[in-house]
């Protein structure tokens, strides 16, 4: 990501359960992210897309490798 060093940043402190920390670590490894911050940034971007889609009344559909699909119902 070019230019991200020039963007103002704010540091926050999060308190999470051990299970959440483990999930963050697992996702960091699975996604080959440099940091947990990157995992959280990606998750927030995805959540933004999902909630915007739901606000428009769009359907979220998961298409499986076998060709079947199922509608994803995300409850917030």
N, C-alpha and C. Protein backbone atom coordinates (compact mmCIF):
# COMPACT_ATOMS: atom_id res chain seq x y z
N UNK A 1 0.83 -1.17 0.00
CA UNK A 1 0.00 0.00 0.00
C UNK A 1 0.88 1.24 0.00
N UNK A 2 0.96 1.88 -1.11
CA UNK A 2 1.79 3.07 -1.15
C UNK A 2 1.04 4.24 -0.53
N UNK A 3 1.76 5.08 0.17
CA UNK A 3 1.17 6.27 0.74
C UNK A 3 0.54 6.11 2.11
N UNK A 4 0.48 4.90 2.63
CA UNK A 4 -0.17 4.73 3.93
C UNK A 4 0.65 5.33 5.06
N UNK A 5 1.92 5.54 4.85
CA UNK A 5 2.74 6.13 5.90
C UNK A 5 2.42 7.60 6.10
N UNK A 6 1.88 8.25 5.06
CA UNK A 6 1.56 9.67 5.13
C UNK A 6 0.20 9.95 5.74
N UNK A 7 -0.61 8.92 5.88
CA UNK A 7 -1.97 9.09 6.40
C UNK A 7 -1.90 9.19 7.92
N UNK A 8 -2.57 10.21 8.50
CA UNK A 8 -2.58 10.31 9.96
C UNK A 8 -3.19 9.05 10.57
N UNK A 9 -2.62 8.62 11.67
CA UNK A 9 -3.09 7.42 12.34
C UNK A 9 -3.35 7.72 13.81
N UNK A 10 -4.22 6.93 14.39
CA UNK A 10 -4.48 7.02 15.82
C UNK A 10 -4.30 5.65 16.43
N UNK A 11 -3.65 5.60 17.55
CA UNK A 11 -3.44 4.34 18.26
C UNK A 11 -4.62 4.11 19.20
N UNK A 12 -5.13 2.87 19.19
CA UNK A 12 -6.19 2.50 20.12
C UNK A 12 -5.73 1.26 20.89
N UNK A 13 -6.34 1.06 22.01
CA UNK A 13 -6.02 -0.09 22.86
C UNK A 13 -7.26 -0.97 22.93
N UNK A 14 -7.11 -2.25 22.63
CA UNK A 14 -8.24 -3.17 22.67
C UNK A 14 -8.02 -4.22 23.75
N UNK A 15 -9.08 -4.56 24.43
CA UNK A 15 -9.06 -5.66 25.39
C UNK A 15 -9.95 -6.75 24.80
N UNK A 16 -9.36 -7.91 24.55
CA UNK A 16 -10.11 -9.02 23.96
C UNK A 16 -9.91 -10.28 24.78
N UNK A 17 -10.83 -11.20 24.61
CA UNK A 17 -10.72 -12.47 25.32
C UNK A 17 -9.59 -13.30 24.69
N UNK A 18 -9.10 -14.29 25.42
CA UNK A 18 -8.07 -15.16 24.86
C UNK A 18 -8.54 -15.84 23.56
N UNK A 19 -9.81 -16.20 23.49
CA UNK A 19 -10.33 -16.84 22.28
C UNK A 19 -10.27 -15.88 21.08
N UNK A 20 -10.63 -14.62 21.31
CA UNK A 20 -10.57 -13.64 20.23
C UNK A 20 -9.13 -13.41 19.80
N UNK A 21 -8.22 -13.35 20.75
CA UNK A 21 -6.79 -13.18 20.42
C UNK A 21 -6.31 -14.36 19.60
N UNK A 22 -6.73 -15.56 19.95
CA UNK A 22 -6.35 -16.76 19.20
C UNK A 22 -6.91 -16.69 17.77
N UNK A 23 -8.15 -16.24 17.64
CA UNK A 23 -8.76 -16.13 16.31
C UNK A 23 -8.03 -15.08 15.47
N UNK A 24 -7.64 -13.98 16.08
CA UNK A 24 -6.87 -12.96 15.36
C UNK A 24 -5.53 -13.52 14.88
N UNK A 25 -4.87 -14.26 15.74
CA UNK A 25 -3.60 -14.88 15.38
C UNK A 25 -3.77 -15.87 14.23
N UNK A 26 -4.81 -16.68 14.32
CA UNK A 26 -5.10 -17.66 13.27
C UNK A 26 -5.36 -16.95 11.94
N UNK A 27 -6.17 -15.89 11.97
CA UNK A 27 -6.47 -15.15 10.75
C UNK A 27 -5.23 -14.44 10.21
N UNK A 28 -4.40 -13.96 11.09
CA UNK A 28 -3.16 -13.31 10.65
C UNK A 28 -2.30 -14.29 9.87
N UNK A 29 -2.19 -15.51 10.37
CA UNK A 29 -1.41 -16.53 9.68
C UNK A 29 -2.08 -16.96 8.38
N UNK A 30 -3.39 -17.20 8.43
CA UNK A 30 -4.13 -17.67 7.26
C UNK A 30 -4.08 -16.65 6.13
N UNK A 31 -4.17 -15.36 6.47
CA UNK A 31 -4.18 -14.30 5.47
C UNK A 31 -2.79 -13.76 5.15
N UNK A 32 -1.79 -14.28 5.85
CA UNK A 32 -0.41 -13.83 5.67
C UNK A 32 -0.30 -12.31 5.88
N UNK A 33 -0.93 -11.82 6.93
CA UNK A 33 -0.91 -10.41 7.27
C UNK A 33 0.34 -10.08 8.08
N UNK A 34 0.83 -8.88 7.90
CA UNK A 34 2.01 -8.43 8.64
C UNK A 34 1.71 -8.24 10.13
N UNK A 35 0.44 -7.91 10.44
CA UNK A 35 0.10 -7.59 11.83
C UNK A 35 -1.38 -7.88 12.09
N UNK A 36 -1.73 -7.90 13.37
CA UNK A 36 -3.13 -8.04 13.73
C UNK A 36 -3.91 -6.79 13.33
N UNK A 37 -3.23 -5.66 13.30
CA UNK A 37 -3.86 -4.43 12.84
C UNK A 37 -4.35 -4.60 11.41
N UNK A 38 -3.55 -5.24 10.57
CA UNK A 38 -3.96 -5.48 9.19
C UNK A 38 -5.17 -6.40 9.13
N UNK A 39 -5.21 -7.41 9.98
CA UNK A 39 -6.37 -8.31 10.05
C UNK A 39 -7.62 -7.50 10.41
N UNK A 40 -7.51 -6.68 11.43
CA UNK A 40 -8.65 -5.87 11.86
C UNK A 40 -9.07 -4.89 10.78
N UNK A 41 -8.12 -4.28 10.09
CA UNK A 41 -8.43 -3.35 9.02
C UNK A 41 -9.21 -4.04 7.91
N UNK A 42 -8.76 -5.24 7.52
CA UNK A 42 -9.46 -6.00 6.48
C UNK A 42 -10.86 -6.40 6.93
N UNK A 43 -10.98 -6.80 8.19
CA UNK A 43 -12.28 -7.21 8.72
C UNK A 43 -13.25 -6.03 8.73
N UNK A 44 -12.77 -4.86 9.08
CA UNK A 44 -13.62 -3.67 9.10
C UNK A 44 -14.05 -3.31 7.69
N UNK A 45 -13.13 -3.41 6.74
CA UNK A 45 -13.49 -3.12 5.34
C UNK A 45 -14.55 -4.10 4.84
N UNK A 46 -14.41 -5.38 5.17
CA UNK A 46 -15.40 -6.38 4.77
C UNK A 46 -16.75 -6.11 5.43
N UNK A 47 -16.74 -5.80 6.72
CA UNK A 47 -17.97 -5.51 7.44
C UNK A 47 -18.66 -4.28 6.85
N UNK A 48 -17.89 -3.31 6.42
CA UNK A 48 -18.44 -2.12 5.79
C UNK A 48 -19.17 -2.49 4.50
N UNK A 49 -18.56 -3.33 3.68
CA UNK A 49 -19.19 -3.77 2.43
C UNK A 49 -20.47 -4.55 2.73
N UNK A 50 -20.41 -5.45 3.69
CA UNK A 50 -21.58 -6.27 4.04
C UNK A 50 -22.73 -5.40 4.53
N UNK A 51 -22.46 -4.49 5.45
CA UNK A 51 -23.54 -3.67 6.00
C UNK A 51 -24.11 -2.71 4.95
N UNK A 52 -23.26 -2.16 4.09
CA UNK A 52 -23.76 -1.29 3.02
C UNK A 52 -24.65 -2.08 2.07
N UNK A 53 -24.24 -3.31 1.75
CA UNK A 53 -25.05 -4.17 0.88
C UNK A 53 -26.40 -4.47 1.52
N UNK A 54 -26.38 -4.82 2.78
CA UNK A 54 -27.63 -5.12 3.48
C UNK A 54 -28.53 -3.89 3.56
N UNK A 55 -27.94 -2.72 3.77
CA UNK A 55 -28.73 -1.49 3.84
C UNK A 55 -29.45 -1.22 2.51
N UNK A 56 -28.85 -1.62 1.39
CA UNK A 56 -29.47 -1.44 0.07
C UNK A 56 -30.50 -2.53 -0.22
N UNK A 57 -30.56 -3.54 0.65
CA UNK A 57 -31.48 -4.64 0.43
C UNK A 57 -30.90 -5.75 -0.43
N UNK A 58 -29.59 -5.69 -0.67
CA UNK A 58 -28.92 -6.73 -1.46
C UNK A 58 -28.90 -8.04 -0.71
N UNK A 59 -28.79 -9.14 -1.46
CA UNK A 59 -28.60 -10.46 -0.87
C UNK A 59 -27.12 -10.80 -0.91
N UNK A 60 -26.66 -11.42 0.14
CA UNK A 60 -25.28 -11.90 0.20
C UNK A 60 -25.33 -13.41 0.00
N UNK A 61 -24.65 -13.88 -1.03
CA UNK A 61 -24.72 -15.28 -1.39
C UNK A 61 -23.32 -15.88 -1.39
N UNK A 62 -23.20 -17.05 -0.77
CA UNK A 62 -21.96 -17.81 -0.77
C UNK A 62 -22.11 -18.89 -1.84
N UNK A 63 -21.21 -18.89 -2.80
CA UNK A 63 -21.21 -19.95 -3.81
C UNK A 63 -20.10 -20.93 -3.44
N UNK A 64 -20.49 -22.17 -3.21
CA UNK A 64 -19.54 -23.19 -2.78
C UNK A 64 -18.77 -23.76 -3.97
N UNK A 65 -17.68 -24.42 -3.68
CA UNK A 65 -16.85 -25.02 -4.72
C UNK A 65 -17.60 -26.05 -5.54
N UNK A 66 -18.61 -26.69 -4.94
CA UNK A 66 -19.38 -27.71 -5.67
C UNK A 66 -20.48 -27.10 -6.55
N UNK A 67 -20.56 -25.77 -6.57
CA UNK A 67 -21.54 -25.10 -7.41
C UNK A 67 -22.82 -24.73 -6.69
N UNK A 68 -23.04 -25.28 -5.52
CA UNK A 68 -24.24 -24.93 -4.76
C UNK A 68 -24.04 -23.55 -4.12
N UNK A 69 -25.14 -22.94 -3.75
CA UNK A 69 -25.03 -21.63 -3.12
C UNK A 69 -26.04 -21.53 -1.98
N UNK A 70 -25.76 -20.61 -1.07
CA UNK A 70 -26.66 -20.36 0.04
C UNK A 70 -26.63 -18.88 0.36
N UNK A 71 -27.79 -18.35 0.72
CA UNK A 71 -27.84 -16.94 1.09
C UNK A 71 -27.29 -16.78 2.50
N UNK A 72 -26.47 -15.78 2.67
CA UNK A 72 -25.84 -15.50 3.96
C UNK A 72 -26.69 -14.47 4.70
N UNK A 73 -27.14 -14.84 5.88
CA UNK A 73 -27.92 -13.92 6.72
C UNK A 73 -27.03 -13.46 7.86
N UNK A 74 -26.63 -12.20 7.82
CA UNK A 74 -25.76 -11.64 8.84
C UNK A 74 -26.61 -10.78 9.75
N UNK A 75 -26.63 -11.10 11.03
CA UNK A 75 -27.43 -10.38 12.00
C UNK A 75 -26.48 -9.56 12.88
N UNK A 76 -26.79 -8.28 13.00
CA UNK A 76 -25.95 -7.41 13.83
C UNK A 76 -26.73 -6.92 15.00
